[in-house]
C-alpha atoms as a PDB file:
ATOM      1  CA  MET A   1     103.452 107.016  94.201  1.00  0.00           C
ATOM      2  CA  SER A   2     105.151 109.480  91.917  1.00  0.00           C
ATOM      3  CA  THR A   3     106.565 109.226  88.359  1.00  0.00           C
ATOM      4  CA  PRO A   4     110.258 108.313  88.152  1.00  0.00           C
ATOM      5  CA  ALA A   5     112.591 111.212  87.196  1.00  0.00           C
ATOM      6  CA  ALA A   6     113.806 111.190  83.713  1.00  0.00           C
ATOM      7  CA  PRO A   7     117.429 109.688  83.250  1.00  0.00           C
ATOM      8  CA  LEU A   8     119.906 112.310  83.457  1.00  0.00           C
ATOM      9  CA  PRO A   9     123.164 112.445  81.575  1.00  0.00           C
ATOM     10  CA  VAL A  10     125.857 109.835  82.626  1.00  0.00           C
ATOM     11  CA  GLY A  11     128.511 112.624  83.064  1.00  0.00           C
ATOM     12  CA  GLU A  12     126.908 114.227  85.952  1.00  0.00           C
ATOM     13  CA  PRO A  13     128.403 113.029  89.322  1.00  0.00           C
ATOM     14  CA  PHE A  14     125.476 114.108  91.505  1.00  0.00           C
ATOM     15  CA  SER A  15     122.639 113.757  89.099  1.00  0.00           C
ATOM     16  CA  GLU A  16     121.271 110.737  90.704  1.00  0.00           C
ATOM     17  CA  SER A  17     121.497 112.250  94.093  1.00  0.00           C
ATOM     18  CA  LEU A  18     119.770 115.210  92.900  1.00  0.00           C
ATOM     19  CA  ALA A  19     116.801 113.192  91.240  1.00  0.00           C
ATOM     20  CA  GLU A  20     116.546 111.440  94.581  1.00  0.00           C
ATOM     21  CA  ALA A  21     116.422 114.658  96.572  1.00  0.00           C
ATOM     22  CA  VAL A  22     113.543 116.109  94.125  1.00  0.00           C
ATOM     23  CA  GLN A  23     111.423 113.051  94.503  1.00  0.00           C
ATOM     24  CA  SER A  24     111.942 112.823  98.347  1.00  0.00           C
ATOM     25  CA  ALA A  25     110.821 116.613  98.518  1.00  0.00           C
ATOM     26  CA  ALA A  26     107.900 116.044  96.392  1.00  0.00           C
ATOM     27  CA  ILE A  27     106.643 113.161  98.368  1.00  0.00           C
ATOM     28  CA  ALA A  28     107.491 114.997 101.715  1.00  0.00           C
ATOM     29  CA  MET A  29     105.093 117.949 100.459  1.00  0.00           C
ATOM     30  CA  ARG A  30     102.381 115.383  99.539  1.00  0.00           C
ATOM     31  CA  LEU A  31     102.808 113.894 103.087  1.00  0.00           C
ATOM     32  CA  PHE A  32     102.591 117.420 104.691  1.00  0.00           C
ATOM     33  CA  LEU A  33      99.565 118.201 102.583  1.00  0.00           C
ATOM     34  CA  ALA A  34      97.758 115.022 103.747  1.00  0.00           C
ATOM     35  CA  VAL A  35      98.403 115.879 107.297  1.00  0.00           C
ATOM     36  CA  ALA A  36      97.192 119.276 106.957  1.00  0.00           C
ATOM     37  CA  ASP A  37      93.789 118.109 105.337  1.00  0.00           C
ATOM     38  CA  ALA A  38      93.445 115.598 108.215  1.00  0.00           C
ATOM     39  CA  ILE A  39      93.972 118.298 110.872  1.00  0.00           C
ATOM     40  CA  ARG A  40      91.592 120.554 108.918  1.00  0.00           C
ATOM     41  CA  ARG A  41      88.738 117.846 108.558  1.00  0.00           C
ATOM     42  CA  ALA A  42      89.192 116.733 112.251  1.00  0.00           C
ATOM     43  CA  ALA A  43      88.620 120.764 113.360  1.00  0.00           C
ATOM     44  CA  GLN A  44      85.823 120.670 111.018  1.00  0.00           C
ATOM     45  CA  LYS A  45      84.283 117.684 112.311  1.00  0.00           C
ATOM     46  CA  GLN A  46      84.853 118.835 115.899  1.00  0.00           C
ATOM     47  CA  ARG A  47      83.300 122.357 114.913  1.00  0.00           C
ATOM     48  CA  GLU A  48      80.228 121.326 112.995  1.00  0.00           C
ATOM     49  CA  GLY A  49      79.799 117.805 113.924  1.00  0.00           C
ATOM     50  CA  LYS A  50      80.137 116.621 110.693  1.00  0.00           C
ATOM     51  CA  GLN A  51      82.429 116.327 107.831  1.00  0.00           C
ATOM     52  CA  ALA A  52      82.095 117.485 104.193  1.00  0.00           C
ATOM     53  CA  GLU A  53      83.526 115.663 101.380  1.00  0.00           C
ATOM     54  CA  LEU A  54      85.599 117.075  98.802  1.00  0.00           C
ATOM     55  CA  GLY A  55      84.287 115.601  95.827  1.00  0.00           C
ATOM     56  CA  GLU A  56      85.782 113.519  92.795  1.00  0.00           C
ATOM     57  CA  ASP A  57      87.319 116.601  91.100  1.00  0.00           C
ATOM     58  CA  ALA A  58      89.782 116.783  94.465  1.00  0.00           C
ATOM     59  CA  ALA A  59      90.279 113.079  94.329  1.00  0.00           C
ATOM     60  CA  LYS A  60      91.527 113.492  90.743  1.00  0.00           C
ATOM     61  CA  LEU A  61      93.828 116.500  91.658  1.00  0.00           C
ATOM     62  CA  ALA A  62      95.395 114.468  94.612  1.00  0.00           C
ATOM     63  CA  GLY A  63      96.240 111.567  92.247  1.00  0.00           C
ATOM     64  CA  LEU A  64      93.579 109.086  93.704  1.00  0.00           C
ATOM     65  CA  GLY A  65      92.209 108.282  90.469  1.00  0.00           C
ATOM     66  CA  GLY A  66      88.641 109.722  91.474  1.00  0.00           C
ATOM     67  CA  GLY A  67      85.731 108.235  93.315  1.00  0.00           C
ATOM     68  CA  THR A  68      88.048 106.547  95.650  1.00  0.00           C
ATOM     69  CA  THR A  69      88.031 107.487  99.263  1.00  0.00           C
ATOM     70  CA  ALA A  70      89.935 106.758 102.391  1.00  0.00           C
ATOM     71  CA  PRO A  71      88.626 104.088 104.450  1.00  0.00           C
ATOM     72  CA  GLY A  72      86.312 105.086 107.430  1.00  0.00           C
ATOM     73  CA  PRO A  73      86.761 104.920 111.177  1.00  0.00           C
ATOM     74  CA  GLY A  74      87.595 101.329 112.381  1.00  0.00           C
ATOM     75  CA  ARG A  75      88.532 100.268 108.966  1.00  0.00           C
ATOM     76  CA  THR A  76      92.040  99.510 107.594  1.00  0.00           C
ATOM     77  CA  CYS A  77      93.771  99.847 104.205  1.00  0.00           C
ATOM     78  CA  ARG A  78      95.130  96.629 102.630  1.00  0.00           C
END
């Protein structure tokens, strides 16, 4: 999901743990933002009765490669 951290000098005793912690924090933040977006979309759909798409530029910023969307209701990812 994210790029691996650059290798750190061998002499640092906690360098691997630190790199792992940073990657975990980045993944947790992306998960938090995804949940917040899902809540926002659900609230919008309930309020307006419809859901607006974010567009291709937002998908590129999210790291989805652009043009790809999540499956609709009743569909699953494989």
